[in-house]
C-alpha atoms as a PDB file:
ATOM      1  CA  MET A   1     -20.773 -10.911 -14.702  1.00  0.00           C
ATOM      2  CA  SER A   2     -18.175 -13.089 -16.393  1.00  0.00           C
ATOM      3  CA  ARG A   3     -16.482 -14.116 -13.102  1.00  0.00           C
ATOM      4  CA  ALA A   4     -19.679 -15.853 -11.947  1.00  0.00           C
ATOM      5  CA  ILE A   5     -19.851 -17.804 -15.220  1.00  0.00           C
ATOM      6  CA  VAL A   6     -16.184 -18.773 -14.889  1.00  0.00           C
ATOM      7  CA  LEU A   7     -16.814 -20.021 -11.334  1.00  0.00           C
ATOM      8  CA  GLN A   8     -19.789 -22.057 -12.561  1.00  0.00           C
ATOM      9  CA  ALA A   9     -17.639 -23.565 -15.330  1.00  0.00           C
ATOM     10  CA  LEU A  10     -14.967 -24.520 -12.776  1.00  0.00           C
ATOM     11  CA  GLU A  11     -17.576 -26.104 -10.503  1.00  0.00           C
ATOM     12  CA  GLU A  12     -19.287 -28.047 -13.302  1.00  0.00           C
ATOM     13  CA  ARG A  13     -16.141 -28.748 -15.403  1.00  0.00           C
ATOM     14  CA  ARG A  14     -17.691 -27.146 -18.492  1.00  0.00           C
ATOM     15  CA  VAL A  15     -15.958 -25.507 -21.421  1.00  0.00           C
ATOM     16  CA  LEU A  16     -16.204 -21.771 -21.992  1.00  0.00           C
ATOM     17  CA  ARG A  17     -16.467 -19.789 -25.210  1.00  0.00           C
ATOM     18  CA  ILE A  18     -14.707 -16.481 -24.714  1.00  0.00           C
ATOM     19  CA  VAL A  19     -13.617 -13.374 -26.549  1.00  0.00           C
ATOM     20  CA  TYR A  20     -10.434 -12.076 -24.972  1.00  0.00           C
ATOM     21  CA  ALA A  21      -9.047  -8.563 -25.424  1.00  0.00           C
ATOM     22  CA  TYR A  22     -11.241  -7.973 -28.499  1.00  0.00           C
ATOM     23  CA  GLY A  23      -9.719 -10.907 -30.376  1.00  0.00           C
ATOM     24  CA  GLY A  24     -11.703 -13.740 -31.918  1.00  0.00           C
ATOM     25  CA  MET A  25     -13.733 -16.496 -30.265  1.00  0.00           C
ATOM     26  CA  ARG A  26     -11.822 -19.144 -28.285  1.00  0.00           C
ATOM     27  CA  MET A  27     -12.933 -22.413 -26.692  1.00  0.00           C
ATOM     28  CA  ILE A  28     -11.216 -23.095 -23.361  1.00  0.00           C
ATOM     29  CA  GLN A  29     -11.227 -25.552 -20.477  1.00  0.00           C
ATOM     30  CA  PRO A  30     -10.937 -23.410 -17.313  1.00  0.00           C
ATOM     31  CA  HIS A  31      -8.808 -24.882 -14.543  1.00  0.00           C
ATOM     32  CA  ALA A  32      -8.076 -22.164 -11.937  1.00  0.00           C
ATOM     33  CA  ILE A  33      -8.347 -18.515 -10.993  1.00  0.00           C
ATOM     34  CA  LEU A  34      -5.155 -16.994  -9.603  1.00  0.00           C
ATOM     35  CA  ARG A  35      -4.996 -13.655  -7.779  1.00  0.00           C
ATOM     36  CA  LYS A  36      -1.778 -11.708  -8.245  1.00  0.00           C
ATOM     37  CA  ALA A  37      -0.310  -9.513  -5.497  1.00  0.00           C
ATOM     38  CA  ASP A  38      -1.769  -6.400  -7.173  1.00  0.00           C
ATOM     39  CA  GLY A  39      -5.289  -7.918  -7.085  1.00  0.00           C
ATOM     40  CA  THR A  40      -5.439  -8.832 -10.775  1.00  0.00           C
ATOM     41  CA  GLU A  41      -7.183 -12.153 -11.327  1.00  0.00           C
ATOM     42  CA  LEU A  42      -5.952 -14.556 -13.993  1.00  0.00           C
ATOM     43  CA  LEU A  43      -7.839 -17.509 -15.434  1.00  0.00           C
ATOM     44  CA  GLU A  44      -5.535 -20.442 -16.122  1.00  0.00           C
ATOM     45  CA  ALA A  45      -7.085 -22.484 -18.907  1.00  0.00           C
ATOM     46  CA  PHE A  46      -6.290 -24.938 -21.670  1.00  0.00           C
ATOM     47  CA  GLN A  47      -7.364 -23.576 -25.045  1.00  0.00           C
ATOM     48  CA  VAL A  48      -8.788 -26.307 -27.262  1.00  0.00           C
ATOM     49  CA  GLN A  49      -9.654 -24.234 -30.322  1.00  0.00           C
ATOM     50  CA  GLY A  50     -10.131 -20.765 -31.701  1.00  0.00           C
ATOM     51  CA  PHE A  51      -8.409 -17.429 -32.102  1.00  0.00           C
ATOM     52  CA  THR A  52      -4.751 -17.023 -31.200  1.00  0.00           C
ATOM     53  CA  GLU A  53      -2.374 -14.096 -31.176  1.00  0.00           C
ATOM     54  CA  GLY A  54       0.815 -16.131 -30.840  1.00  0.00           C
ATOM     55  CA  GLY A  55       0.176 -18.738 -33.529  1.00  0.00           C
ATOM     56  CA  VAL A  56      -0.426 -21.628 -31.092  1.00  0.00           C
ATOM     57  CA  GLU A  57      -4.108 -22.553 -30.996  1.00  0.00           C
ATOM     58  CA  HIS A  58      -3.926 -25.345 -28.397  1.00  0.00           C
ATOM     59  CA  GLY A  59      -2.241 -25.162 -25.015  1.00  0.00           C
ATOM     60  CA  TRP A  60      -2.105 -23.596 -21.573  1.00  0.00           C
ATOM     61  CA  LYS A  61      -2.862 -19.886 -21.463  1.00  0.00           C
ATOM     62  CA  ASN A  62      -3.558 -17.266 -18.811  1.00  0.00           C
ATOM     63  CA  PHE A  63      -6.350 -14.734 -19.330  1.00  0.00           C
ATOM     64  CA  GLU A  64      -6.951 -11.642 -17.196  1.00  0.00           C
ATOM     65  CA  LEU A  65     -10.565 -11.830 -16.042  1.00  0.00           C
ATOM     66  CA  SER A  66     -10.986  -8.093 -16.580  1.00  0.00           C
ATOM     67  CA  ARG A  67     -10.117  -8.529 -20.284  1.00  0.00           C
ATOM     68  CA  LEU A  68     -12.795 -11.161 -20.982  1.00  0.00           C
ATOM     69  CA  HIS A  69     -15.332  -9.363 -23.168  1.00  0.00           C
ATOM     70  CA  GLN A  70     -17.693 -12.227 -23.870  1.00  0.00           C
ATOM     71  CA  VAL A  71     -18.074 -15.382 -21.791  1.00  0.00           C
ATOM     72  CA  GLU A  72     -20.535 -18.162 -22.611  1.00  0.00           C
ATOM     73  CA  LEU A  73     -20.930 -21.431 -20.756  1.00  0.00           C
ATOM     74  CA  GLY A  74     -20.692 -24.366 -23.148  1.00  0.00           C
ATOM     75  CA  GLU A  75     -22.631 -27.619 -22.853  1.00  0.00           C
ATOM     76  CA  GLU A  76     -19.522 -29.780 -23.203  1.00  0.00           C
ATOM     77  CA  ARG A  77     -17.918 -31.070 -20.016  1.00  0.00           C
ATOM     78  CA  PHE A  78     -14.263 -31.985 -19.584  1.00  0.00           C
ATOM     79  CA  GLU A  79     -12.007 -33.843 -17.179  1.00  0.00           C
ATOM     80  CA  PRO A  80      -9.211 -31.796 -15.614  1.00  0.00           C
ATOM     81  CA  ARG A  81      -6.015 -32.245 -17.614  1.00  0.00           C
ATOM     82  CA  ARG A  82      -3.439 -34.574 -16.101  1.00  0.00           C
ATOM     83  CA  ASP A  83      -0.670 -31.998 -16.573  1.00  0.00           C
ATOM     84  CA  PHE A  84      -2.505 -29.360 -14.510  1.00  0.00           C
ATOM     85  CA  LYS A  85      -1.034 -28.610 -11.103  1.00  0.00           C
ATOM     86  CA  PRO A  86      -2.823 -25.788  -9.233  1.00  0.00           C
ATOM     87  CA  VAL A  87       0.013 -24.110  -7.371  1.00  0.00           C
ATOM     88  CA  SER A  88       0.135 -20.798  -5.554  1.00  0.00           C
ATOM     89  CA  GLY A  89       3.453 -19.093  -6.134  1.00  0.00           C
ATOM     90  CA  ALA A  90       5.143 -16.260  -7.958  1.00  0.00           C
ATOM     91  CA  HIS A  91       2.231 -15.894 -10.421  1.00  0.00           C
ATOM     92  CA  GLY A  92      -0.409 -15.618  -7.715  1.00  0.00           C
ATOM     93  CA  VAL A  93      -2.560 -17.408  -5.162  1.00  0.00           C
ATOM     94  CA  VAL A  94      -5.138 -19.946  -6.308  1.00  0.00           C
ATOM     95  CA  VAL A  95      -8.572 -18.640  -5.272  1.00  0.00           C
ATOM     96  CA  ALA A  96     -10.746 -21.124  -7.201  1.00  0.00           C
ATOM     97  CA  GLY A  97     -10.101 -24.304  -9.134  1.00  0.00           C
ATOM     98  CA  VAL A  98     -11.681 -27.029 -11.188  1.00  0.00           C
ATOM     99  CA  ARG A  99     -12.942 -29.969  -9.209  1.00  0.00           C
ATOM    100  CA  THR A 100     -11.203 -33.275  -9.812  1.00  0.00           C
ATOM    101  CA  MET A 101     -13.046 -36.590 -10.030  1.00  0.00           C
ATOM    102  CA  GLU A 102     -11.656 -37.529  -6.595  1.00  0.00           C
ATOM    103  CA  GLN A 103     -13.250 -34.407  -5.089  1.00  0.00           C
ATOM    104  CA  VAL A 104     -16.580 -35.113  -6.761  1.00  0.00           C
ATOM    105  CA  GLU A 105     -16.618 -38.809  -5.756  1.00  0.00           C
ATOM    106  CA  GLY A 106     -15.730 -37.947  -2.131  1.00  0.00           C
ATOM    107  CA  GLU A 107     -18.881 -35.877  -1.636  1.00  0.00           C
ATOM    108  CA  PRO A 108     -21.760 -37.300   0.428  1.00  0.00           C
END
């Protein structure tokens, strides 16, 4: 299931290769899963390369988990982006997020 791979990528801070909504391949850095009031889950990620529908290859994008048609865990690791702020609000409640270096270093 793609959700399990997304959770692993969040835990290990690894890039994902995805095909979204039958578009082309994209390379993303996953940062959080948000759950909307209707139960829909969104993956908030920074796209670093690949297919785009809006003409902007790089940048923050939200992907509905149910519309991910191919999800592959990449070998490359990343540090959470400094401009990422996991916030529950109008878009949904954060149910999972990327681990920061402070969280990793604080473990026993």
